[in-house]
Structure formats: structure tokens, C-alpha cells
Amino acid sequence: VPLFAYILHIYLLHAANIVLLVLTHRPTLGTFDQTRTAFLEPEKLSGSGFPLPVIFAVWFVTLVLLYPLCGWWASLKSRNRSRWLSYL
């Protein structure tokens, strides 16, 4: 379940970032190639972040969404003893 939560939270937060950028009409530059943009073109990322209360709200919504999904995954793993689920 911890690995499931870890992998899922990465995708949820990335999707939330893209949605917030589009809704606030901000450029999505650096969303998909953050490492290259941060090191080679850092001036393009200045001022592209969100205020701390928005970040806290997004993290809270992510946790609220992850909790039932992790419960579902744990019950799935406890009900089904197939070998492929043991690796996940």
C-alpha cells in the first residue's frame, strides 16, 4: 500500500499542477521538462509557482483522494492472494 500511495500521489499532484496552471492561464513550460528548464533556463520559471495556501489545499485534497484508494488497494490485496499482487 505505501508503494501504491507513493506512485499514485506523483501522478495526482502532476495532474493537479497542470489543471491549476491551465485554469489560472499560466504557462505550462517546465511542467514536463522541469529538470532541463530549472538548470538551463531558470529565468523562465521565476514567478510560476502558487502561494503556500494553494499548495496546502492541493496536498489536502490529494490526501483525501488517496485515503479511500489506499483502503481499496489494501482490501484488494487481502482478498486476492495472486502472485502478481504480492509484487505490487
C-alpha atoms as a PDB file:
ATOM      1  CA  VAL A   1       0.000   0.000   0.000  1.00  0.00           C
ATOM      2  CA  PRO A   2       2.793   2.541   0.677  1.00  0.00           C
ATOM      3  CA  LEU A   3       4.280   1.996  -2.786  1.00  0.00           C
ATOM      4  CA  PHE A   4       0.802   2.324  -4.330  1.00  0.00           C
ATOM      5  CA  ALA A   5       0.245   5.600  -2.468  1.00  0.00           C
ATOM      6  CA  TYR A   6       3.675   6.905  -3.431  1.00  0.00           C
ATOM      7  CA  ILE A   7       3.254   6.190  -7.139  1.00  0.00           C
ATOM      8  CA  LEU A   8      -0.317   7.445  -7.237  1.00  0.00           C
ATOM      9  CA  HIS A   9       0.454  10.709  -5.437  1.00  0.00           C
ATOM     10  CA  ILE A  10       3.059  11.622  -8.040  1.00  0.00           C
ATOM     11  CA  TYR A  11       0.530  11.343 -10.847  1.00  0.00           C
ATOM     12  CA  LEU A  12      -2.241  13.064  -8.886  1.00  0.00           C
ATOM     13  CA  LEU A  13      -0.064  16.050  -7.997  1.00  0.00           C
ATOM     14  CA  HIS A  14       1.277  16.338 -11.522  1.00  0.00           C
ATOM     15  CA  ALA A  15      -2.265  16.338 -12.903  1.00  0.00           C
ATOM     16  CA  ALA A  16      -3.353  18.889 -10.278  1.00  0.00           C
ATOM     17  CA  ASN A  17      -0.451  21.133 -11.242  1.00  0.00           C
ATOM     18  CA  ILE A  18      -1.387  21.022 -14.913  1.00  0.00           C
ATOM     19  CA  VAL A  19      -5.063  21.707 -14.164  1.00  0.00           C
ATOM     20  CA  LEU A  20      -4.200  24.665 -11.910  1.00  0.00           C
ATOM     21  CA  LEU A  21      -1.805  26.105 -14.474  1.00  0.00           C
ATOM     22  CA  VAL A  22      -4.409  25.886 -17.216  1.00  0.00           C
ATOM     23  CA  LEU A  23      -7.195  27.296 -15.011  1.00  0.00           C
ATOM     24  CA  THR A  24      -5.073  30.269 -13.961  1.00  0.00           C
ATOM     25  CA  HIS A  25      -3.844  30.884 -17.545  1.00  0.00           C
ATOM     26  CA  ARG A  26      -0.212  30.365 -16.600  1.00  0.00           C
ATOM     27  CA  PRO A  27       2.365  28.855 -18.944  1.00  0.00           C
ATOM     28  CA  THR A  28       2.902  25.127 -18.621  1.00  0.00           C
ATOM     29  CA  LEU A  29       6.545  25.471 -19.613  1.00  0.00           C
ATOM     30  CA  GLY A  30       8.676  23.395 -17.285  1.00  0.00           C
ATOM     31  CA  THR A  31       5.837  21.097 -16.299  1.00  0.00           C
ATOM     32  CA  PHE A  32       7.091  18.226 -18.408  1.00  0.00           C
ATOM     33  CA  ASP A  33      10.796  19.021 -18.539  1.00  0.00           C
ATOM     34  CA  GLN A  34      11.362  20.573 -15.135  1.00  0.00           C
ATOM     35  CA  THR A  35      14.964  19.436 -14.706  1.00  0.00           C
ATOM     36  CA  ARG A  36      16.158  20.880 -18.002  1.00  0.00           C
ATOM     37  CA  THR A  37      14.224  24.100 -17.527  1.00  0.00           C
ATOM     38  CA  ALA A  38      15.341  24.559 -13.920  1.00  0.00           C
ATOM     39  CA  PHE A  39      19.031  24.157 -14.709  1.00  0.00           C
ATOM     40  CA  LEU A  40      19.334  25.584 -18.204  1.00  0.00           C
ATOM     41  CA  GLU A  41      16.613  28.246 -18.256  1.00  0.00           C
ATOM     42  CA  PRO A  42      15.787  29.164 -14.629  1.00  0.00           C
ATOM     43  CA  GLU A  43      14.573  32.641 -15.581  1.00  0.00           C
ATOM     44  CA  LYS A  44      11.556  31.068 -17.303  1.00  0.00           C
ATOM     45  CA  LEU A  45      10.403  29.518 -14.012  1.00  0.00           C
ATOM     46  CA  SER A  46      10.549  32.665 -11.903  1.00  0.00           C
ATOM     47  CA  GLY A  47       7.140  33.641 -10.605  1.00  0.00           C
ATOM     48  CA  SER A  48       5.479  30.499 -11.918  1.00  0.00           C
ATOM     49  CA  GLY A  49       4.634  28.999  -8.527  1.00  0.00           C
ATOM     50  CA  PHE A  50       1.498  29.091  -6.421  1.00  0.00           C
ATOM     51  CA  PRO A  51       1.046  30.642  -2.967  1.00  0.00           C
ATOM     52  CA  LEU A  52       1.552  28.386   0.040  1.00  0.00           C
ATOM     53  CA  PRO A  53      -2.163  28.171   0.986  1.00  0.00           C
ATOM     54  CA  VAL A  54      -2.929  26.852  -2.508  1.00  0.00           C
ATOM     55  CA  ILE A  55      -0.198  24.236  -2.159  1.00  0.00           C
ATOM     56  CA  PHE A  56      -1.559  23.163   1.228  1.00  0.00           C
ATOM     57  CA  ALA A  57      -5.069  22.895  -0.231  1.00  0.00           C
ATOM     58  CA  VAL A  58      -3.835  20.761  -3.119  1.00  0.00           C
ATOM     59  CA  TRP A  59      -1.957  18.464  -0.734  1.00  0.00           C
ATOM     60  CA  PHE A  60      -5.035  18.141   1.470  1.00  0.00           C
ATOM     61  CA  VAL A  61      -7.251  17.252  -1.488  1.00  0.00           C
ATOM     62  CA  THR A  62      -4.626  14.755  -2.645  1.00  0.00           C
ATOM     63  CA  LEU A  63      -4.596  13.073   0.767  1.00  0.00           C
ATOM     64  CA  VAL A  64      -8.393  12.968   0.846  1.00  0.00           C
ATOM     65  CA  LEU A  65      -8.407  11.312  -2.576  1.00  0.00           C
ATOM     66  CA  LEU A  66      -5.603   8.887  -1.719  1.00  0.00           C
ATOM     67  CA  TYR A  67      -7.082   7.596   1.536  1.00  0.00           C
ATOM     68  CA  PRO A  68     -10.030   5.650   0.079  1.00  0.00           C
ATOM     69  CA  LEU A  69      -7.923   4.477  -2.859  1.00  0.00           C
ATOM     70  CA  CYS A  70      -5.315   3.061  -0.490  1.00  0.00           C
ATOM     71  CA  GLY A  71      -8.065   1.377   1.531  1.00  0.00           C
ATOM     72  CA  TRP A  72      -9.418  -0.177  -1.647  1.00  0.00           C
ATOM     73  CA  TRP A  73      -5.938  -1.373  -2.640  1.00  0.00           C
ATOM     74  CA  ALA A  74      -5.320  -2.883   0.814  1.00  0.00           C
ATOM     75  CA  SER A  75      -8.645  -4.744   0.741  1.00  0.00           C
ATOM     76  CA  LEU A  76      -7.943  -5.959  -2.788  1.00  0.00           C
ATOM     77  CA  LYS A  77      -4.575  -7.315  -1.721  1.00  0.00           C
ATOM     78  CA  SER A  78      -6.042  -9.009   1.370  1.00  0.00           C
ATOM     79  CA  ARG A  79      -8.907 -10.629  -0.592  1.00  0.00           C
ATOM     80  CA  ASN A  80      -6.873 -11.749  -3.578  1.00  0.00           C
ATOM     81  CA  ARG A  81      -3.702 -13.738  -2.924  1.00  0.00           C
ATOM     82  CA  SER A  82      -2.456 -13.905  -6.504  1.00  0.00           C
ATOM     83  CA  ARG A  83       1.277 -13.815  -7.015  1.00  0.00           C
ATOM     84  CA  TRP A  84       1.355 -10.727  -9.193  1.00  0.00           C
ATOM     85  CA  LEU A  85      -0.317  -8.614  -6.486  1.00  0.00           C
ATOM     86  CA  SER A  86       2.396  -9.586  -3.993  1.00  0.00           C
ATOM     87  CA  TYR A  87       4.972  -7.806  -6.167  1.00  0.00           C
ATOM     88  CA  LEU A  88       2.938  -4.625  -6.223  1.00  0.00           C
END
